[in-house]
Amino acid sequence: MEWYYDFFRVLSLVIVWAIPAALIVAVVAFVIAAPALTLGGVVIRLYEVVCVRLRRSARAKMRGVNLTCSIDADCPLGYVCVSGHCVPVK
């Protein structure tokens, strides 16, 4: 047999088996990774919203610092925005 018969036989095996197998592996990896990355983003966002705000309000209470703000959402929990400064809710 000529060498090119072997070459095309191997090439046909690659086309028939290796490429679809690689595509299947890529799809499975995406199906596994997409929810994991989404869940990771949600967890990080929850951490930022809850923990960082709690720390900020605790530090402000301990130090008695007036934080600057433009709206109530800029202030830590338990504070409201009054005239550009975060003040504790009474």
N, C-alpha and C. Protein backbone atom coordinates (compact mmCIF):
# COMPACT_ATOMS: atom_id res chain seq x y z
N MET A 1 0.83 -1.19 0.00
CA MET A 1 0.00 0.00 0.00
C MET A 1 0.87 1.25 0.00
N GLU A 2 0.28 2.26 -0.53
CA GLU A 2 0.97 3.54 -0.55
C GLU A 2 0.82 4.25 0.79
N TRP A 3 1.71 5.17 1.09
CA TRP A 3 1.70 5.86 2.36
C TRP A 3 0.46 6.72 2.55
N TYR A 4 -0.06 7.26 1.44
CA TYR A 4 -1.20 8.17 1.58
C TYR A 4 -2.48 7.44 1.96
N TYR A 5 -2.56 6.13 1.71
CA TYR A 5 -3.72 5.36 2.17
C TYR A 5 -3.75 5.36 3.71
N ASP A 6 -2.59 5.12 4.28
CA ASP A 6 -2.51 5.15 5.74
C ASP A 6 -2.79 6.55 6.30
N PHE A 7 -2.27 7.54 5.62
CA PHE A 7 -2.50 8.91 6.07
C PHE A 7 -3.99 9.25 6.07
N PHE A 8 -4.68 8.92 4.99
CA PHE A 8 -6.11 9.24 4.91
C PHE A 8 -6.95 8.36 5.84
N ARG A 9 -6.48 7.17 6.11
CA ARG A 9 -7.19 6.31 7.06
C ARG A 9 -7.11 6.94 8.47
N VAL A 10 -5.93 7.40 8.86
CA VAL A 10 -5.78 8.06 10.15
C VAL A 10 -6.56 9.37 10.18
N LEU A 11 -6.51 10.12 9.11
CA LEU A 11 -7.25 11.37 9.02
C LEU A 11 -8.76 11.14 9.15
N SER A 12 -9.26 10.10 8.51
CA SER A 12 -10.69 9.80 8.61
C SER A 12 -11.07 9.40 10.03
N LEU A 13 -10.18 8.66 10.73
CA LEU A 13 -10.46 8.32 12.12
C LEU A 13 -10.50 9.56 13.00
N VAL A 14 -9.60 10.50 12.74
CA VAL A 14 -9.59 11.74 13.50
C VAL A 14 -10.88 12.51 13.26
N ILE A 15 -11.30 12.60 12.02
CA ILE A 15 -12.52 13.34 11.69
C ILE A 15 -13.75 12.66 12.29
N VAL A 16 -13.81 11.35 12.23
CA VAL A 16 -14.99 10.62 12.68
C VAL A 16 -15.05 10.49 14.20
N TRP A 17 -13.91 10.34 14.88
CA TRP A 17 -13.92 10.06 16.31
C TRP A 17 -13.36 11.18 17.18
N ALA A 18 -12.24 11.72 16.85
CA ALA A 18 -11.57 12.68 17.74
C ALA A 18 -12.29 14.02 17.81
N ILE A 19 -12.71 14.54 16.68
CA ILE A 19 -13.36 15.85 16.68
C ILE A 19 -14.70 15.80 17.42
N PRO A 20 -15.59 14.83 17.14
CA PRO A 20 -16.83 14.77 17.93
C PRO A 20 -16.58 14.52 19.42
N ALA A 21 -15.58 13.72 19.73
CA ALA A 21 -15.27 13.46 21.14
C ALA A 21 -14.82 14.76 21.83
N ALA A 22 -14.00 15.54 21.15
CA ALA A 22 -13.56 16.81 21.71
C ALA A 22 -14.73 17.77 21.90
N LEU A 23 -15.65 17.78 20.96
CA LEU A 23 -16.84 18.63 21.09
C LEU A 23 -17.71 18.19 22.26
N ILE A 24 -17.86 16.90 22.44
CA ILE A 24 -18.64 16.39 23.57
C ILE A 24 -17.98 16.78 24.89
N VAL A 25 -16.68 16.64 24.97
CA VAL A 25 -15.96 17.02 26.19
C VAL A 25 -16.14 18.52 26.45
N ALA A 26 -16.07 19.34 25.42
CA ALA A 26 -16.23 20.79 25.59
C ALA A 26 -17.64 21.14 26.07
N VAL A 27 -18.65 20.48 25.52
CA VAL A 27 -20.03 20.74 25.94
C VAL A 27 -20.23 20.32 27.39
N VAL A 28 -19.72 19.17 27.76
CA VAL A 28 -19.86 18.70 29.15
C VAL A 28 -19.14 19.65 30.10
N ALA A 29 -17.96 20.11 29.72
CA ALA A 29 -17.23 21.04 30.57
C ALA A 29 -18.00 22.34 30.74
N PHE A 30 -18.62 22.83 29.68
CA PHE A 30 -19.41 24.05 29.76
C PHE A 30 -20.64 23.86 30.64
N VAL A 31 -21.30 22.72 30.49
CA VAL A 31 -22.49 22.44 31.29
C VAL A 31 -22.14 22.37 32.78
N ILE A 32 -20.97 21.87 33.10
CA ILE A 32 -20.54 21.80 34.50
C ILE A 32 -20.05 23.16 34.99
N ALA A 33 -19.30 23.88 34.17
CA ALA A 33 -18.67 25.12 34.61
C ALA A 33 -19.63 26.29 34.69
N ALA A 34 -20.59 26.38 33.80
CA ALA A 34 -21.48 27.55 33.79
C ALA A 34 -22.25 27.71 35.10
N PRO A 35 -22.91 26.68 35.60
CA PRO A 35 -23.60 26.88 36.89
C PRO A 35 -22.63 27.13 38.05
N ALA A 36 -21.47 26.49 38.01
CA ALA A 36 -20.50 26.70 39.08
C ALA A 36 -20.01 28.14 39.09
N LEU A 37 -19.73 28.70 37.93
CA LEU A 37 -19.28 30.09 37.86
C LEU A 37 -20.40 31.05 38.26
N THR A 38 -21.62 30.75 37.85
CA THR A 38 -22.75 31.58 38.21
C THR A 38 -22.97 31.55 39.72
N LEU A 39 -22.92 30.37 40.30
CA LEU A 39 -23.09 30.25 41.75
C LEU A 39 -21.96 30.97 42.48
N GLY A 40 -20.75 30.85 41.98
CA GLY A 40 -19.62 31.56 42.58
C GLY A 40 -19.83 33.07 42.56
N GLY A 41 -20.34 33.60 41.46
CA GLY A 41 -20.63 35.02 41.37
C GLY A 41 -21.69 35.46 42.35
N VAL A 42 -22.72 34.63 42.51
CA VAL A 42 -23.79 34.94 43.46
C VAL A 42 -23.25 34.94 44.89
N VAL A 43 -22.43 33.96 45.21
CA VAL A 43 -21.87 33.88 46.56
C VAL A 43 -20.98 35.09 46.84
N ILE A 44 -20.16 35.47 45.90
CA ILE A 44 -19.29 36.63 46.09
C ILE A 44 -20.11 37.90 46.26
N ARG A 45 -21.16 38.05 45.47
CA ARG A 45 -22.01 39.25 45.58
C ARG A 45 -22.71 39.29 46.93
N LEU A 46 -23.22 38.16 47.39
CA LEU A 46 -23.86 38.12 48.71
C LEU A 46 -22.87 38.47 49.80
N TYR A 47 -21.65 37.98 49.68
CA TYR A 47 -20.61 38.32 50.65
C TYR A 47 -20.38 39.83 50.67
N GLU A 48 -20.28 40.43 49.50
CA GLU A 48 -20.05 41.87 49.43
C GLU A 48 -21.20 42.64 50.06
N VAL A 49 -22.41 42.23 49.74
CA VAL A 49 -23.57 42.97 50.23
C VAL A 49 -23.71 42.83 51.74
N VAL A 50 -23.59 41.62 52.24
CA VAL A 50 -23.85 41.37 53.65
C VAL A 50 -22.63 41.69 54.51
N CYS A 51 -21.54 41.01 54.27
CA CYS A 51 -20.38 41.12 55.16
C CYS A 51 -19.71 42.48 55.10
N VAL A 52 -19.51 43.00 53.93
CA VAL A 52 -18.82 44.28 53.81
C VAL A 52 -19.64 45.40 54.44
N ARG A 53 -20.95 45.39 54.23
CA ARG A 53 -21.79 46.41 54.85
C ARG A 53 -21.82 46.27 56.36
N LEU A 54 -21.86 45.03 56.85
CA LEU A 54 -21.85 44.83 58.30
C LEU A 54 -20.55 45.33 58.91
N ARG A 55 -19.44 45.03 58.26
CA ARG A 55 -18.15 45.51 58.76
C ARG A 55 -18.09 47.03 58.72
N ARG A 56 -18.59 47.61 57.65
CA ARG A 56 -18.55 49.06 57.51
C ARG A 56 -19.37 49.73 58.61
N SER A 57 -20.56 49.18 58.87
CA SER A 57 -21.39 49.79 59.92
C SER A 57 -20.76 49.58 61.30
N ALA A 58 -20.14 48.41 61.53
CA ALA A 58 -19.50 48.16 62.82
C ALA A 58 -18.32 49.10 63.03
N ARG A 59 -17.53 49.29 62.00
CA ARG A 59 -16.38 50.21 62.12
C ARG A 59 -16.85 51.63 62.36
N ALA A 60 -17.92 52.02 61.66
CA ALA A 60 -18.43 53.38 61.82
C ALA A 60 -18.95 53.59 63.24
N LYS A 61 -19.59 52.58 63.80
CA LYS A 61 -20.10 52.71 65.16
C LYS A 61 -18.95 52.80 66.15
N MET A 62 -17.90 51.98 65.94
CA MET A 62 -16.78 51.99 66.87
C MET A 62 -16.02 53.30 66.81
N ARG A 63 -15.83 53.81 65.62
CA ARG A 63 -15.02 55.02 65.45
C ARG A 63 -15.83 56.30 65.56
N GLY A 64 -17.15 56.18 65.38
CA GLY A 64 -17.98 57.38 65.38
C GLY A 64 -17.73 58.25 64.17
N VAL A 65 -17.37 57.64 63.05
CA VAL A 65 -17.02 58.37 61.84
C VAL A 65 -18.29 58.72 61.08
N ASN A 66 -18.37 59.94 60.57
CA ASN A 66 -19.47 60.32 59.69
C ASN A 66 -19.07 59.98 58.26
N LEU A 67 -19.75 59.02 57.68
CA LEU A 67 -19.47 58.63 56.31
C LEU A 67 -20.21 59.56 55.36
N THR A 68 -19.59 59.90 54.25
CA THR A 68 -20.27 60.73 53.27
C THR A 68 -21.15 59.87 52.38
N CYS A 69 -22.24 60.46 51.88
CA CYS A 69 -23.19 59.71 51.06
C CYS A 69 -23.97 60.66 50.18
N SER A 70 -24.66 60.09 49.21
CA SER A 70 -25.57 60.88 48.39
C SER A 70 -26.99 60.35 48.50
N ILE A 71 -27.13 59.02 48.77
CA ILE A 71 -28.44 58.41 48.99
C ILE A 71 -28.33 57.44 50.15
N ASP A 72 -29.46 56.99 50.66
CA ASP A 72 -29.45 56.08 51.81
C ASP A 72 -28.71 54.77 51.53
N ALA A 73 -28.71 54.31 50.28
CA ALA A 73 -28.04 53.05 49.94
C ALA A 73 -26.52 53.14 50.11
N ASP A 74 -25.97 54.35 50.12
CA ASP A 74 -24.52 54.52 50.31
C ASP A 74 -24.10 54.30 51.76
N CYS A 75 -25.06 54.37 52.67
CA CYS A 75 -24.75 54.25 54.10
C CYS A 75 -24.80 52.80 54.55
N PRO A 76 -24.08 52.46 55.64
CA PRO A 76 -24.14 51.11 56.18
C PRO A 76 -25.50 50.83 56.81
N LEU A 77 -25.72 49.58 57.16
CA LEU A 77 -26.97 49.21 57.80
C LEU A 77 -27.15 49.98 59.10
N GLY A 78 -28.37 50.45 59.34
CA GLY A 78 -28.64 51.19 60.55
C GLY A 78 -28.36 52.68 60.42
N TYR A 79 -28.01 53.14 59.25
CA TYR A 79 -27.71 54.54 59.00
C TYR A 79 -28.55 55.06 57.84
N VAL A 80 -28.82 56.35 57.85
CA VAL A 80 -29.50 57.01 56.73
C VAL A 80 -28.67 58.21 56.30
N CYS A 81 -28.90 58.64 55.08
CA CYS A 81 -28.16 59.77 54.53
C CYS A 81 -28.90 61.07 54.86
N VAL A 82 -28.22 61.95 55.59
CA VAL A 82 -28.79 63.26 55.94
C VAL A 82 -27.75 64.32 55.61
N SER A 83 -28.09 65.17 54.68
CA SER A 83 -27.21 66.28 54.28
C SER A 83 -25.82 65.81 53.87
N GLY A 84 -25.74 64.68 53.19
CA GLY A 84 -24.46 64.20 52.69
C GLY A 84 -23.64 63.39 53.67
N HIS A 85 -24.18 63.10 54.86
CA HIS A 85 -23.46 62.30 55.86
C HIS A 85 -24.36 61.18 56.36
N CYS A 86 -23.75 60.04 56.67
CA CYS A 86 -24.49 58.90 57.23
C CYS A 86 -24.66 59.10 58.72
N VAL A 87 -25.90 59.10 59.15
CA VAL A 87 -26.17 59.25 60.59
C VAL A 87 -26.97 58.04 61.06
N PRO A 88 -26.79 57.63 62.32
CA PRO A 88 -27.50 56.45 62.81
C PRO A 88 -29.00 56.71 62.90
N VAL A 89 -29.76 55.65 62.62
CA VAL A 89 -31.22 55.73 62.75
C VAL A 89 -31.55 55.62 64.23
N LYS A 90 -32.41 56.48 64.70
CA LYS A 90 -32.74 56.47 66.13
C LYS A 90 -33.97 55.66 66.40
